[in-house]
Amino acid sequence: MYTLYIIRCADNSLYTGIAKDLDKRLTVHRNGKGSVYVRARLPFSLVYTEKHSDRSRATKREMEIKKMSKQKKETLIRN
């Protein structure tokens, strides 16, 4: 099982990623050892998640979301 997640960074930007162990991945981000993007925009909050059965499906969905405008991402988060 993989989790697709969206986090809201301190500058109000949104970062989308996938993880097999979400808690572990968020800890890595919080400790400044995750992506360079998030590291430069700490702190953050988790605002959205989706579960996917395998890495391929999670990655495809991640790419779909990354192509969305910020407005569409905000709508996804609200719903």
PDB file of N, CA and C in Angstrom:
ATOM      1  N   MET A   1       0.851  -1.184   0.000  1.00  0.00           N
ATOM      2  CA  MET A   1       0.000   0.000   0.000  1.00  0.00           C
ATOM      3  C   MET A   1       0.892   1.242   0.000  1.00  0.00           C
ATOM      4  N   TYR A   2       0.567   2.182  -0.856  1.00  0.00           N
ATOM      5  CA  TYR A   2       1.276   3.462  -0.927  1.00  0.00           C
ATOM      6  C   TYR A   2       0.306   4.595  -0.620  1.00  0.00           C
ATOM      7  N   THR A   3       0.838   5.638  -0.039  1.00  0.00           N
ATOM      8  CA  THR A   3       0.036   6.815   0.262  1.00  0.00           C
ATOM      9  C   THR A   3       0.543   7.985  -0.562  1.00  0.00           C
ATOM     10  N   LEU A   4      -0.366   8.593  -1.292  1.00  0.00           N
ATOM     11  CA  LEU A   4      -0.080   9.857  -1.960  1.00  0.00           C
ATOM     12  C   LEU A   4      -0.419  10.932  -0.939  1.00  0.00           C
ATOM     13  N   TYR A   5       0.430  11.943  -0.822  1.00  0.00           N
ATOM     14  CA  TYR A   5       0.175  12.991   0.165  1.00  0.00           C
ATOM     15  C   TYR A   5       0.450  14.370  -0.414  1.00  0.00           C
ATOM     16  N   ILE A   6      -0.242  15.342   0.147  1.00  0.00           N
ATOM     17  CA  ILE A   6       0.020  16.745  -0.172  1.00  0.00           C
ATOM     18  C   ILE A   6       0.282  17.445   1.150  1.00  0.00           C
ATOM     19  N   ILE A   7       1.366  18.198   1.180  1.00  0.00           N
ATOM     20  CA  ILE A   7       1.658  19.004   2.363  1.00  0.00           C
ATOM     21  C   ILE A   7       1.661  20.477   1.981  1.00  0.00           C
ATOM     22  N   ARG A   8       1.235  21.298   2.927  1.00  0.00           N
ATOM     23  CA  ARG A   8       1.251  22.745   2.744  1.00  0.00           C
ATOM     24  C   ARG A   8       2.475  23.275   3.477  1.00  0.00           C
ATOM     25  N   CYS A   9       3.349  23.912   2.733  1.00  0.00           N
ATOM     26  CA  CYS A   9       4.588  24.439   3.299  1.00  0.00           C
ATOM     27  C   CYS A   9       4.364  25.812   3.942  1.00  0.00           C
ATOM     28  N   ALA A  10       5.360  26.283   4.654  1.00  0.00           N
ATOM     29  CA  ALA A  10       5.260  27.549   5.380  1.00  0.00           C
ATOM     30  C   ALA A  10       4.940  28.726   4.457  1.00  0.00           C
ATOM     31  N   ASP A  11       5.365  28.654   3.196  1.00  0.00           N
ATOM     32  CA  ASP A  11       5.089  29.745   2.248  1.00  0.00           C
ATOM     33  C   ASP A  11       3.750  29.562   1.529  1.00  0.00           C
ATOM     34  N   ASN A  12       2.934  28.610   2.009  1.00  0.00           N
ATOM     35  CA  ASN A  12       1.612  28.295   1.464  1.00  0.00           C
ATOM     36  C   ASN A  12       1.666  27.531   0.138  1.00  0.00           C
ATOM     37  N   SER A  13       2.836  27.118  -0.286  1.00  0.00           N
ATOM     38  CA  SER A  13       2.931  26.286  -1.481  1.00  0.00           C
ATOM     39  C   SER A  13       2.547  24.855  -1.118  1.00  0.00           C
ATOM     40  N   LEU A  14       2.242  24.072  -2.142  1.00  0.00           N
ATOM     41  CA  LEU A  14       1.828  22.686  -1.938  1.00  0.00           C
ATOM     42  C   LEU A  14       2.861  21.749  -2.547  1.00  0.00           C
ATOM     43  N   TYR A  15       3.181  20.701  -1.813  1.00  0.00           N
ATOM     44  CA  TYR A  15       4.130  19.690  -2.274  1.00  0.00           C
ATOM     45  C   TYR A  15       3.408  18.353  -2.293  1.00  0.00           C
ATOM     46  N   THR A  16       3.527  17.630  -3.395  1.00  0.00           N
ATOM     47  CA  THR A  16       2.884  16.328  -3.550  1.00  0.00           C
ATOM     48  C   THR A  16       3.943  15.244  -3.640  1.00  0.00           C
ATOM     49  N   GLY A  17       3.714  14.147  -2.916  1.00  0.00           N
ATOM     50  CA  GLY A  17       4.640  13.028  -2.951  1.00  0.00           C
ATOM     51  C   GLY A  17       3.921  11.727  -2.662  1.00  0.00           C
ATOM     52  N   ILE A  18       4.671  10.626  -2.726  1.00  0.00           N
ATOM     53  CA  ILE A  18       4.128   9.319  -2.361  1.00  0.00           C
ATOM     54  C   ILE A  18       5.070   8.672  -1.354  1.00  0.00           C
ATOM     55  N   ALA A  19       4.518   7.778  -0.545  1.00  0.00           N
ATOM     56  CA  ALA A  19       5.332   7.086   0.450  1.00  0.00           C
ATOM     57  C   ALA A  19       4.727   5.737   0.784  1.00  0.00           C
ATOM     58  N   LYS A  20       5.586   4.779   1.049  1.00  0.00           N
ATOM     59  CA  LYS A  20       5.120   3.474   1.518  1.00  0.00           C
ATOM     60  C   LYS A  20       4.781   3.577   3.008  1.00  0.00           C
ATOM     61  N   ASP A  21       5.578   4.343   3.745  1.00  0.00           N
ATOM     62  CA  ASP A  21       5.354   4.579   5.175  1.00  0.00           C
ATOM     63  C   ASP A  21       5.244   6.088   5.376  1.00  0.00           C
ATOM     64  N   LEU A  22       4.029   6.599   5.398  1.00  0.00           N
ATOM     65  CA  LEU A  22       3.804   8.045   5.442  1.00  0.00           C
ATOM     66  C   LEU A  22       4.396   8.681   6.691  1.00  0.00           C
ATOM     67  N   ASP A  23       4.192   8.085   7.852  1.00  0.00           N
ATOM     68  CA  ASP A  23       4.729   8.674   9.083  1.00  0.00           C
ATOM     69  C   ASP A  23       6.243   8.823   9.014  1.00  0.00           C
ATOM     70  N   LYS A  24       6.900   7.801   8.515  1.00  0.00           N
ATOM     71  CA  LYS A  24       8.362   7.846   8.379  1.00  0.00           C
ATOM     72  C   LYS A  24       8.782   8.952   7.409  1.00  0.00           C
ATOM     73  N   ARG A  25       8.081   9.047   6.288  1.00  0.00           N
ATOM     74  CA  ARG A  25       8.425  10.061   5.285  1.00  0.00           C
ATOM     75  C   ARG A  25       8.229  11.474   5.825  1.00  0.00           C
ATOM     76  N   LEU A  26       7.140  11.695   6.546  1.00  0.00           N
ATOM     77  CA  LEU A  26       6.896  13.015   7.121  1.00  0.00           C
ATOM     78  C   LEU A  26       7.956  13.363   8.155  1.00  0.00           C
ATOM     79  N   THR A  27       8.404  12.383   8.913  1.00  0.00           N
ATOM     80  CA  THR A  27       9.482  12.611   9.884  1.00  0.00           C
ATOM     81  C   THR A  27      10.766  13.014   9.163  1.00  0.00           C
ATOM     82  N   VAL A  28      11.058  12.354   8.065  1.00  0.00           N
ATOM     83  CA  VAL A  28      12.241  12.703   7.268  1.00  0.00           C
ATOM     84  C   VAL A  28      12.130  14.145   6.783  1.00  0.00           C
ATOM     85  N   HIS A  29      10.959  14.525   6.279  1.00  0.00           N
ATOM     86  CA  HIS A  29      10.750  15.917   5.838  1.00  0.00           C
ATOM     87  C   HIS A  29      10.937  16.886   7.014  1.00  0.00           C
ATOM     88  N   ARG A  30      10.316  16.581   8.147  1.00  0.00           N
ATOM     89  CA  ARG A  30      10.405  17.483   9.315  1.00  0.00           C
ATOM     90  C   ARG A  30      11.831  17.669   9.813  1.00  0.00           C
ATOM     91  N   ASN A  31      12.632  16.627   9.672  1.00  0.00           N
ATOM     92  CA  ASN A  31      14.026  16.691  10.118  1.00  0.00           C
ATOM     93  C   ASN A  31      14.936  17.356   9.091  1.00  0.00           C
ATOM     94  N   GLY A  32      14.339  17.860   7.999  1.00  0.00           N
ATOM     95  CA  GLY A  32      15.130  18.560   6.986  1.00  0.00           C
ATOM     96  C   GLY A  32      15.962  17.643   6.119  1.00  0.00           C
ATOM     97  N   LYS A  33      15.621  16.369   6.074  1.00  0.00           N
ATOM     98  CA  LYS A  33      16.388  15.400   5.297  1.00  0.00           C
ATOM     99  C   LYS A  33      15.606  14.890   4.084  1.00  0.00           C
ATOM    100  N   GLY A  34      14.414  15.448   3.856  1.00  0.00           N
ATOM    101  CA  GLY A  34      13.597  15.040   2.718  1.00  0.00           C
ATOM    102  C   GLY A  34      13.961  15.836   1.486  1.00  0.00           C
ATOM    103  N   SER A  35      12.982  16.173   0.714  1.00  0.00           N
ATOM    104  CA  SER A  35      13.234  16.909  -0.527  1.00  0.00           C
ATOM    105  C   SER A  35      13.791  18.300  -0.237  1.00  0.00           C
ATOM    106  N   VAL A  36      14.592  18.786  -1.165  1.00  0.00           N
ATOM    107  CA  VAL A  36      15.162  20.126  -1.053  1.00  0.00           C
ATOM    108  C   VAL A  36      14.043  21.167  -1.015  1.00  0.00           C
ATOM    109  N   TYR A  37      12.991  20.928  -1.799  1.00  0.00           N
ATOM    110  CA  TYR A  37      11.869  21.862  -1.866  1.00  0.00           C
ATOM    111  C   TYR A  37      11.256  22.065  -0.491  1.00  0.00           C
ATOM    112  N   VAL A  38      10.927  20.978   0.183  1.00  0.00           N
ATOM    113  CA  VAL A  38      10.286  21.067   1.503  1.00  0.00           C
ATOM    114  C   VAL A  38      11.267  21.603   2.531  1.00  0.00           C
ATOM    115  N   ARG A  39      12.495  21.153   2.477  1.00  0.00           N
ATOM    116  CA  ARG A  39      13.526  21.592   3.429  1.00  0.00           C
ATOM    117  C   ARG A  39      13.642  23.120   3.460  1.00  0.00           C
ATOM    118  N   ALA A  40      13.487  23.739   2.307  1.00  0.00           N
ATOM    119  CA  ALA A  40      13.618  25.198   2.217  1.00  0.00           C
ATOM    120  C   ALA A  40      12.349  25.923   2.653  1.00  0.00           C
ATOM    121  N   ARG A  41      11.275  25.173   2.945  1.00  0.00           N
ATOM    122  CA  ARG A  41       9.973  25.795   3.237  1.00  0.00           C
ATOM    123  C   ARG A  41       9.334  25.249   4.518  1.00  0.00           C
ATOM    124  N   LEU A  42      10.151  24.803   5.443  1.00  0.00           N
ATOM    125  CA  LEU A  42       9.642  24.300   6.728  1.00  0.00           C
ATOM    126  C   LEU A  42       9.080  25.437   7.552  1.00  0.00           C
ATOM    127  N   PRO A  43       8.144  25.207   8.443  1.00  0.00           N
ATOM    128  CA  PRO A  43       7.458  23.942   8.698  1.00  0.00           C
ATOM    129  C   PRO A  43       6.344  23.715   7.681  1.00  0.00           C
ATOM    130  N   PHE A  44       5.711  22.560   7.776  1.00  0.00           N
ATOM    131  CA  PHE A  44       4.630  22.197   6.866  1.00  0.00           C
ATOM    132  C   PHE A  44       3.534  21.488   7.636  1.00  0.00           C
ATOM    133  N   SER A  45       2.380  21.330   6.978  1.00  0.00           N
ATOM    134  CA  SER A  45       1.305  20.531   7.560  1.00  0.00           C
ATOM    135  C   SER A  45       0.749  19.601   6.483  1.00  0.00           C
ATOM    136  N   LEU A  46       0.366  18.421   6.894  1.00  0.00           N
ATOM    137  CA  LEU A  46      -0.240  17.447   5.997  1.00  0.00           C
ATOM    138  C   LEU A  46      -1.677  17.873   5.752  1.00  0.00           C
ATOM    139  N   VAL A  47      -2.063  18.019   4.467  1.00  0.00           N
ATOM    140  CA  VAL A  47      -3.413  18.502   4.168  1.00  0.00           C
ATOM    141  C   VAL A  47      -4.254  17.526   3.349  1.00  0.00           C
ATOM    142  N   TYR A  48      -3.637  16.464   2.803  1.00  0.00           N
ATOM    143  CA  TYR A  48      -4.410  15.559   1.946  1.00  0.00           C
ATOM    144  C   TYR A  48      -3.677  14.231   1.812  1.00  0.00           C
ATOM    145  N   THR A  49      -4.440  13.130   1.781  1.00  0.00           N
ATOM    146  CA  THR A  49      -3.870  11.815   1.504  1.00  0.00           C
ATOM    147  C   THR A  49      -4.841  10.976   0.669  1.00  0.00           C
ATOM    148  N   GLU A  50      -4.267  10.049  -0.081  1.00  0.00           N
ATOM    149  CA  GLU A  50      -5.006   9.032  -0.825  1.00  0.00           C
ATOM    150  C   GLU A  50      -4.224   7.730  -0.704  1.00  0.00           C
ATOM    151  N   LYS A  51      -4.913   6.625  -0.554  1.00  0.00           N
ATOM    152  CA  LYS A  51      -4.272   5.304  -0.514  1.00  0.00           C
ATOM    153  C   LYS A  51      -4.323   4.680  -1.906  1.00  0.00           C
ATOM    154  N   HIS A  52      -3.215   4.019  -2.282  1.00  0.00           N
ATOM    155  CA  HIS A  52      -3.136   3.320  -3.564  1.00  0.00           C
ATOM    156  C   HIS A  52      -2.530   1.945  -3.349  1.00  0.00           C
ATOM    157  N   SER A  53      -3.006   0.980  -4.116  1.00  0.00           N
ATOM    158  CA  SER A  53      -2.605  -0.409  -3.907  1.00  0.00           C
ATOM    159  C   SER A  53      -1.166  -0.711  -4.292  1.00  0.00           C
ATOM    160  N   ASP A  54      -0.602   0.066  -5.217  1.00  0.00           N
ATOM    161  CA  ASP A  54       0.784  -0.189  -5.619  1.00  0.00           C
ATOM    162  C   ASP A  54       1.478   1.108  -6.033  1.00  0.00           C
ATOM    163  N   ARG A  55       2.787   1.015  -6.164  1.00  0.00           N
ATOM    164  CA  ARG A  55       3.599   2.195  -6.480  1.00  0.00           C
ATOM    165  C   ARG A  55       3.234   2.800  -7.836  1.00  0.00           C
ATOM    166  N   SER A  56       2.949   1.960  -8.811  1.00  0.00           N
ATOM    167  CA  SER A  56       2.614   2.441 -10.151  1.00  0.00           C
ATOM    168  C   SER A  56       1.376   3.336 -10.126  1.00  0.00           C
ATOM    169  N   ARG A  57       0.328   2.888  -9.465  1.00  0.00           N
ATOM    170  CA  ARG A  57      -0.902   3.694  -9.382  1.00  0.00           C
ATOM    171  C   ARG A  57      -0.664   4.991  -8.615  1.00  0.00           C
ATOM    172  N   ALA A  58       0.090   4.900  -7.537  1.00  0.00           N
ATOM    173  CA  ALA A  58       0.376   6.092  -6.739  1.00  0.00           C
ATOM    174  C   ALA A  58       1.184   7.105  -7.549  1.00  0.00           C
ATOM    175  N   THR A  59       2.155   6.613  -8.304  1.00  0.00           N
ATOM    176  CA  THR A  59       2.996   7.501  -9.114  1.00  0.00           C
ATOM    177  C   THR A  59       2.186   8.169 -10.223  1.00  0.00           C
ATOM    178  N   LYS A  60       1.302   7.416 -10.864  1.00  0.00           N
ATOM    179  CA  LYS A  60       0.450   7.994 -11.914  1.00  0.00           C
ATOM    180  C   LYS A  60      -0.438   9.098 -11.341  1.00  0.00           C
ATOM    181  N   ARG A  61      -1.002   8.840 -10.181  1.00  0.00           N
ATOM    182  CA  ARG A  61      -1.863   9.851  -9.544  1.00  0.00           C
ATOM    183  C   ARG A  61      -1.035  11.060  -9.109  1.00  0.00           C
ATOM    184  N   GLU A  62       0.156  10.818  -8.610  1.00  0.00           N
ATOM    185  CA  GLU A  62       1.050  11.919  -8.223  1.00  0.00           C
ATOM    186  C   GLU A  62       1.314  12.832  -9.421  1.00  0.00           C
ATOM    187  N   MET A  63       1.577  12.246 -10.576  1.00  0.00           N
ATOM    188  CA  MET A  63       1.839  13.035 -11.782  1.00  0.00           C
ATOM    189  C   MET A  63       0.600  13.823 -12.204  1.00  0.00           C
ATOM    190  N   GLU A  64      -0.586  13.205 -12.076  1.00  0.00           N
ATOM    191  CA  GLU A  64      -1.832  13.922 -12.387  1.00  0.00           C
ATOM    192  C   GLU A  64      -1.971  15.160 -11.502  1.00  0.00           C
ATOM    193  N   ILE A  65      -1.751  14.978 -10.229  1.00  0.00           N
ATOM    194  CA  ILE A  65      -1.920  16.090  -9.285  1.00  0.00           C
ATOM    195  C   ILE A  65      -0.863  17.156  -9.513  1.00  0.00           C
ATOM    196  N   LYS A  66       0.367  16.755  -9.777  1.00  0.00           N
ATOM    197  CA  LYS A  66       1.435  17.741 -10.005  1.00  0.00           C
ATOM    198  C   LYS A  66       1.155  18.612 -11.234  1.00  0.00           C
ATOM    199  N   LYS A  67       0.394  18.086 -12.178  1.00  0.00           N
ATOM    200  CA  LYS A  67       0.046  18.858 -13.378  1.00  0.00           C
ATOM    201  C   LYS A  67      -1.119  19.814 -13.141  1.00  0.00           C
ATOM    202  N   MET A  68      -1.835  19.655 -12.033  1.00  0.00           N
ATOM    203  CA  MET A  68      -2.980  20.514 -11.724  1.00  0.00           C
ATOM    204  C   MET A  68      -2.518  21.916 -11.346  1.00  0.00           C
ATOM    205  N   SER A  69      -3.398  22.877 -11.592  1.00  0.00           N
ATOM    206  CA  SER A  69      -3.130  24.235 -11.109  1.00  0.00           C
ATOM    207  C   SER A  69      -3.266  24.227  -9.589  1.00  0.00           C
ATOM    208  N   LYS A  70      -2.734  25.251  -8.959  1.00  0.00           N
ATOM    209  CA  LYS A  70      -2.859  25.332  -7.495  1.00  0.00           C
ATOM    210  C   LYS A  70      -4.334  25.413  -7.099  1.00  0.00           C
ATOM    211  N   GLN A  71      -5.118  26.118  -7.881  1.00  0.00           N
ATOM    212  CA  GLN A  71      -6.550  26.239  -7.588  1.00  0.00           C
ATOM    213  C   GLN A  71      -7.227  24.867  -7.589  1.00  0.00           C
ATOM    214  N   LYS A  72      -6.904  24.027  -8.570  1.00  0.00           N
ATOM    215  CA  LYS A  72      -7.495  22.683  -8.620  1.00  0.00           C
ATOM    216  C   LYS A  72      -7.026  21.834  -7.449  1.00  0.00           C
ATOM    217  N   LYS A  73      -5.758  21.993  -7.065  1.00  0.00           N
ATOM    218  CA  LYS A  73      -5.250  21.265  -5.905  1.00  0.00           C
ATOM    219  C   LYS A  73      -5.982  21.704  -4.644  1.00  0.00           C
ATOM    220  N   GLU A  74      -6.215  22.991  -4.503  1.00  0.00           N
ATOM    221  CA  GLU A  74      -6.944  23.494  -3.327  1.00  0.00           C
ATOM    222  C   GLU A  74      -8.358  22.927  -3.283  1.00  0.00           C
ATOM    223  N   THR A  75      -9.010  22.818  -4.442  1.00  0.00           N
ATOM    224  CA  THR A  75     -10.342  22.219  -4.505  1.00  0.00           C
ATOM    225  C   THR A  75     -10.288  20.749  -4.100  1.00  0.00           C
ATOM    226  N   LEU A  76      -9.309  20.030  -4.581  1.00  0.00           N
ATOM    227  CA  LEU A  76      -9.131  18.628  -4.206  1.00  0.00           C
ATOM    228  C   LEU A  76      -8.961  18.494  -2.699  1.00  0.00           C
ATOM    229  N   ILE A  77      -8.163  19.343  -2.110  1.00  0.00           N
ATOM    230  CA  ILE A  77      -7.918  19.307  -0.669  1.00  0.00           C
ATOM    231  C   ILE A  77      -9.211  19.597   0.114  1.00  0.00           C
ATOM    232  N   ARG A  78      -9.962  20.585  -0.343  1.00  0.00           N
ATOM    233  CA  ARG A  78     -11.210  20.944   0.357  1.00  0.00           C
ATOM    234  C   ARG A  78     -12.251  19.834   0.302  1.00  0.00           C
ATOM    235  N   ASN A  79     -12.287  19.113  -0.815  1.00  0.00           N
ATOM    236  CA  ASN A  79     -13.293  18.055  -0.977  1.00  0.00           C
ATOM    237  C   ASN A  79     -12.772  16.783  -0.395  1.00  0.00           C
TER     238      ASN A  79
END
